[in-house]
């Protein structure tokens, strides 16, 4: 194998390994606070529906 192909293969493998490490760290070390998104009711019907859900 010539030098260019070897460098290309090594660079690709290095990129894959580092990407895999950072993806694993994202799952192993989750953020401390949980973010909860609540949909804000827009119309009158959604307000009434939300009121019945929260009874």
PDB file of N, CA and C in Angstrom:
ATOM      1  N   UNK A   1       0.853  -1.176   0.000  1.00  0.00           N
ATOM      2  CA  UNK A   1       0.000   0.000   0.000  1.00  0.00           C
ATOM      3  C   UNK A   1       0.896   1.236   0.000  1.00  0.00           C
ATOM      4  N   UNK A   2       0.555   2.197  -0.818  1.00  0.00           N
ATOM      5  CA  UNK A   2       1.386   3.394  -0.803  1.00  0.00           C
ATOM      6  C   UNK A   2       0.993   4.303   0.362  1.00  0.00           C
ATOM      7  N   UNK A   3       1.781   5.332   0.586  1.00  0.00           N
ATOM      8  CA  UNK A   3       1.602   6.187   1.761  1.00  0.00           C
ATOM      9  C   UNK A   3       0.257   6.905   1.762  1.00  0.00           C
ATOM     10  N   UNK A   4      -0.189   7.336   0.591  1.00  0.00           N
ATOM     11  CA  UNK A   4      -1.447   8.097   0.546  1.00  0.00           C
ATOM     12  C   UNK A   4      -2.632   7.236   0.977  1.00  0.00           C
ATOM     13  N   UNK A   5      -2.691   6.007   0.480  1.00  0.00           N
ATOM     14  CA  UNK A   5      -3.792   5.117   0.853  1.00  0.00           C
ATOM     15  C   UNK A   5      -3.738   4.770   2.340  1.00  0.00           C
ATOM     16  N   UNK A   6      -2.544   4.564   2.859  1.00  0.00           N
ATOM     17  CA  UNK A   6      -2.395   4.251   4.274  1.00  0.00           C
ATOM     18  C   UNK A   6      -2.854   5.423   5.142  1.00  0.00           C
ATOM     19  N   UNK A   7      -2.457   6.639   4.774  1.00  0.00           N
ATOM     20  CA  UNK A   7      -2.888   7.824   5.522  1.00  0.00           C
ATOM     21  C   UNK A   7      -4.397   7.997   5.449  1.00  0.00           C
ATOM     22  N   UNK A   8      -4.973   7.729   4.301  1.00  0.00           N
ATOM     23  CA  UNK A   8      -6.420   7.854   4.124  1.00  0.00           C
ATOM     24  C   UNK A   8      -7.156   6.844   4.998  1.00  0.00           C
ATOM     25  N   UNK A   9      -6.698   5.613   5.029  1.00  0.00           N
ATOM     26  CA  UNK A   9      -7.323   4.578   5.855  1.00  0.00           C
ATOM     27  C   UNK A   9      -7.174   4.907   7.333  1.00  0.00           C
ATOM     28  N   UNK A  10      -6.000   5.337   7.752  1.00  0.00           N
ATOM     29  CA  UNK A  10      -5.779   5.669   9.156  1.00  0.00           C
ATOM     30  C   UNK A  10      -6.597   6.881   9.587  1.00  0.00           C
ATOM     31  N   UNK A  11      -6.703   7.880   8.730  1.00  0.00           N
ATOM     32  CA  UNK A  11      -7.511   9.059   9.063  1.00  0.00           C
ATOM     33  C   UNK A  11      -8.980   8.694   9.188  1.00  0.00           C
ATOM     34  N   UNK A  12      -9.464   7.824   8.321  1.00  0.00           N
ATOM     35  CA  UNK A  12     -10.861   7.388   8.379  1.00  0.00           C
ATOM     36  C   UNK A  12     -11.129   6.593   9.653  1.00  0.00           C
ATOM     37  N   UNK A  13     -10.257   5.666   9.974  1.00  0.00           N
ATOM     38  CA  UNK A  13     -10.423   4.873  11.192  1.00  0.00           C
ATOM     39  C   UNK A  13     -10.344   5.739  12.446  1.00  0.00           C
ATOM     40  N   UNK A  14      -9.445   6.705  12.452  1.00  0.00           N
ATOM     41  CA  UNK A  14      -9.333   7.611  13.599  1.00  0.00           C
ATOM     42  C   UNK A  14     -10.607   8.425  13.766  1.00  0.00           C
ATOM     43  N   UNK A  15     -11.153   8.911  12.674  1.00  0.00           N
ATOM     44  CA  UNK A  15     -12.405   9.666  12.745  1.00  0.00           C
ATOM     45  C   UNK A  15     -13.554   8.828  13.264  1.00  0.00           C
ATOM     46  N   UNK A  16     -13.628   7.600  12.820  1.00  0.00           N
ATOM     47  CA  UNK A  16     -14.697   6.702  13.279  1.00  0.00           C
ATOM     48  C   UNK A  16     -14.547   6.400  14.766  1.00  0.00           C
ATOM     49  N   UNK A  17     -13.326   6.148  15.214  1.00  0.00           N
ATOM     50  CA  UNK A  17     -13.092   5.826  16.629  1.00  0.00           C
ATOM     51  C   UNK A  17     -13.434   7.021  17.510  1.00  0.00           C
ATOM     52  N   UNK A  18     -12.990   8.226  17.162  1.00  0.00           N
ATOM     53  CA  UNK A  18     -13.290   9.394  17.975  1.00  0.00           C
ATOM     54  C   UNK A  18     -14.783   9.711  17.968  1.00  0.00           C
ATOM     55  N   UNK A  19     -15.443   9.545  16.838  1.00  0.00           N
ATOM     56  CA  UNK A  19     -16.886   9.765  16.789  1.00  0.00           C
ATOM     57  C   UNK A  19     -17.604   8.778  17.702  1.00  0.00           C
ATOM     58  N   UNK A  20     -17.197   7.536  17.674  1.00  0.00           N
ATOM     59  CA  UNK A  20     -17.805   6.510  18.510  1.00  0.00           C
ATOM     60  C   UNK A  20     -17.605   6.828  19.989  1.00  0.00           C
ATOM     61  N   UNK A  21     -16.413   7.292  20.340  1.00  0.00           N
ATOM     62  CA  UNK A  21     -16.139   7.645  21.742  1.00  0.00           C
ATOM     63  C   UNK A  21     -17.039   8.781  22.195  1.00  0.00           C
ATOM     64  N   UNK A  22     -17.188   9.825  21.393  1.00  0.00           N
ATOM     65  CA  UNK A  22     -18.015  10.962  21.788  1.00  0.00           C
ATOM     66  C   UNK A  22     -19.492  10.601  21.831  1.00  0.00           C
ATOM     67  N   UNK A  23     -19.942   9.725  20.957  1.00  0.00           N
ATOM     68  CA  UNK A  23     -21.334   9.266  21.003  1.00  0.00           C
ATOM     69  C   UNK A  23     -21.576   8.465  22.278  1.00  0.00           C
ATOM     70  N   UNK A  24     -20.657   7.596  22.635  1.00  0.00           N
ATOM     71  CA  UNK A  24     -20.795   6.831  23.878  1.00  0.00           C
ATOM     72  C   UNK A  24     -20.783   7.749  25.096  1.00  0.00           C
ATOM     73  N   UNK A  25     -19.942   8.755  25.104  1.00  0.00           N
ATOM     74  CA  UNK A  25     -19.904   9.692  26.225  1.00  0.00           C
ATOM     75  C   UNK A  25     -21.207  10.470  26.348  1.00  0.00           C
ATOM     76  N   UNK A  26     -21.837  10.762  25.234  1.00  0.00           N
ATOM     77  CA  UNK A  26     -23.105  11.484  25.282  1.00  0.00           C
ATOM     78  C   UNK A  26     -24.181  10.643  25.958  1.00  0.00           C
ATOM     79  N   UNK A  27     -24.132   9.323  25.795  1.00  0.00           N
ATOM     80  CA  UNK A  27     -25.127   8.463  26.436  1.00  0.00           C
ATOM     81  C   UNK A  27     -24.740   8.112  27.870  1.00  0.00           C
ATOM     82  N   UNK A  28     -23.453   7.996  28.151  1.00  0.00           N
ATOM     83  CA  UNK A  28     -23.005   7.607  29.480  1.00  0.00           C
ATOM     84  C   UNK A  28     -23.104   8.772  30.452  1.00  0.00           C
ATOM     85  N   UNK A  29     -22.818   9.980  29.996  1.00  0.00           N
ATOM     86  CA  UNK A  29     -22.830  11.158  30.854  1.00  0.00           C
ATOM     87  C   UNK A  29     -23.992  12.079  30.468  1.00  0.00           C
ATOM     88  N   UNK A  30     -25.207  11.751  30.881  1.00  0.00           N
ATOM     89  CA  UNK A  30     -26.342  12.611  30.513  1.00  0.00           C
ATOM     90  C   UNK A  30     -26.295  13.915  31.301  1.00  0.00           C
ATOM     91  N   UNK A  31     -27.036  14.885  30.831  1.00  0.00           N
ATOM     92  CA  UNK A  31     -27.059  16.170  31.515  1.00  0.00           C
ATOM     93  C   UNK A  31     -27.742  16.030  32.868  1.00  0.00           C
ATOM     94  N   UNK A  32     -27.405  16.899  33.780  1.00  0.00           N
ATOM     95  CA  UNK A  32     -27.913  16.809  35.148  1.00  0.00           C
ATOM     96  C   UNK A  32     -29.400  17.140  35.231  1.00  0.00           C
ATOM     97  N   UNK A  33     -29.827  18.140  34.490  1.00  0.00           N
ATOM     98  CA  UNK A  33     -31.220  18.565  34.587  1.00  0.00           C
ATOM     99  C   UNK A  33     -32.035  18.015  33.423  1.00  0.00           C
ATOM    100  N   UNK A  34     -33.241  17.645  33.725  1.00  0.00           N
ATOM    101  CA  UNK A  34     -34.139  17.135  32.705  1.00  0.00           C
ATOM    102  C   UNK A  34     -34.922  18.306  32.115  1.00  0.00           C
ATOM    103  N   UNK A  35     -34.949  18.382  30.812  1.00  0.00           N
ATOM    104  CA  UNK A  35     -35.665  19.451  30.134  1.00  0.00           C
ATOM    105  C   UNK A  35     -37.022  18.908  29.703  1.00  0.00           C
ATOM    106  N   UNK A  36     -38.078  19.572  30.165  1.00  0.00           N
ATOM    107  CA  UNK A  36     -39.427  19.154  29.822  1.00  0.00           C
ATOM    108  C   UNK A  36     -40.063  20.268  29.003  1.00  0.00           C
ATOM    109  N   UNK A  37     -40.507  19.923  27.826  1.00  0.00           N
ATOM    110  CA  UNK A  37     -41.157  20.886  26.957  1.00  0.00           C
ATOM    111  C   UNK A  37     -42.659  20.721  27.076  1.00  0.00           C
ATOM    112  N   UNK A  38     -43.333  21.799  27.394  1.00  0.00           N
ATOM    113  CA  UNK A  38     -44.773  21.756  27.522  1.00  0.00           C
ATOM    114  C   UNK A  38     -45.382  22.600  26.413  1.00  0.00           C
ATOM    115  N   UNK A  39     -46.303  22.018  25.693  1.00  0.00           N
ATOM    116  CA  UNK A  39     -46.948  22.720  24.594  1.00  0.00           C
ATOM    117  C   UNK A  39     -47.917  23.750  25.160  1.00  0.00           C
ATOM    118  N   UNK A  40     -47.816  24.980  24.681  1.00  0.00           N
ATOM    119  CA  UNK A  40     -48.685  26.054  25.137  1.00  0.00           C
ATOM    120  C   UNK A  40     -49.953  26.022  24.289  1.00  0.00           C
ATOM    121  N   UNK A  41     -51.129  25.949  24.936  1.00  0.00           N
ATOM    122  CA  UNK A  41     -52.369  25.938  24.172  1.00  0.00           C
ATOM    123  C   UNK A  41     -52.567  27.258  23.420  1.00  0.00           C
ATOM    124  N   UNK A  42     -53.003  27.151  22.168  1.00  0.00           N
ATOM    125  CA  UNK A  42     -53.154  28.344  21.339  1.00  0.00           C
ATOM    126  C   UNK A  42     -54.601  28.818  21.284  1.00  0.00           C
ATOM    127  N   UNK A  43     -55.502  27.891  21.052  1.00  0.00           N
ATOM    128  CA  UNK A  43     -56.898  28.284  20.862  1.00  0.00           C
ATOM    129  C   UNK A  43     -57.742  27.991  22.085  1.00  0.00           C
ATOM    130  N   UNK A  44     -59.004  28.412  21.996  1.00  0.00           N
ATOM    131  CA  UNK A  44     -59.944  28.218  23.106  1.00  0.00           C
ATOM    132  C   UNK A  44     -60.167  26.726  23.371  1.00  0.00           C
ATOM    133  N   UNK A  45     -60.310  25.943  22.301  1.00  0.00           N
ATOM    134  CA  UNK A  45     -60.549  24.509  22.453  1.00  0.00           C
ATOM    135  C   UNK A  45     -59.363  23.828  23.149  1.00  0.00           C
ATOM    136  N   UNK A  46     -58.140  24.240  22.800  1.00  0.00           N
ATOM    137  CA  UNK A  46     -56.964  23.663  23.444  1.00  0.00           C
ATOM    138  C   UNK A  46     -56.902  24.058  24.917  1.00  0.00           C
ATOM    139  N   UNK A  47     -57.314  25.283  25.255  1.00  0.00           N
ATOM    140  CA  UNK A  47     -57.345  25.696  26.657  1.00  0.00           C
ATOM    141  C   UNK A  47     -58.343  24.853  27.454  1.00  0.00           C
ATOM    142  N   UNK A  48     -59.508  24.612  26.876  1.00  0.00           N
ATOM    143  CA  UNK A  48     -60.525  23.806  27.556  1.00  0.00           C
ATOM    144  C   UNK A  48     -60.027  22.372  27.725  1.00  0.00           C
ATOM    145  N   UNK A  49     -59.415  21.815  26.682  1.00  0.00           N
ATOM    146  CA  UNK A  49     -58.885  20.463  26.745  1.00  0.00           C
ATOM    147  C   UNK A  49     -57.794  20.360  27.817  1.00  0.00           C
ATOM    148  N   UNK A  50     -56.925  21.344  27.889  1.00  0.00           N
ATOM    149  CA  UNK A  50     -55.874  21.349  28.902  1.00  0.00           C
ATOM    150  C   UNK A  50     -56.446  21.445  30.300  1.00  0.00           C
ATOM    151  N   UNK A  51     -57.512  22.195  30.455  1.00  0.00           N
ATOM    152  CA  UNK A  51     -58.154  22.324  31.764  1.00  0.00           C
ATOM    153  C   UNK A  51     -58.757  20.980  32.212  1.00  0.00           C
ATOM    154  N   UNK A  52     -59.347  20.247  31.273  1.00  0.00           N
ATOM    155  CA  UNK A  52     -59.894  18.932  31.623  1.00  0.00           C
ATOM    156  C   UNK A  52     -58.795  17.933  31.951  1.00  0.00           C
ATOM    157  N   UNK A  53     -57.657  18.032  31.271  1.00  0.00           N
ATOM    158  CA  UNK A  53     -56.560  17.107  31.542  1.00  0.00           C
ATOM    159  C   UNK A  53     -55.979  17.345  32.933  1.00  0.00           C
ATOM    160  N   UNK A  54     -55.932  18.588  33.354  1.00  0.00           N
ATOM    161  CA  UNK A  54     -55.289  18.939  34.629  1.00  0.00           C
ATOM    162  C   UNK A  54     -56.225  18.886  35.825  1.00  0.00           C
ATOM    163  N   UNK A  55     -57.454  18.400  35.654  1.00  0.00           N
ATOM    164  CA  UNK A  55     -58.380  18.313  36.769  1.00  0.00           C
ATOM    165  C   UNK A  55     -57.972  17.292  37.753  1.00  0.00           C
TER     166      UNK A  55
END
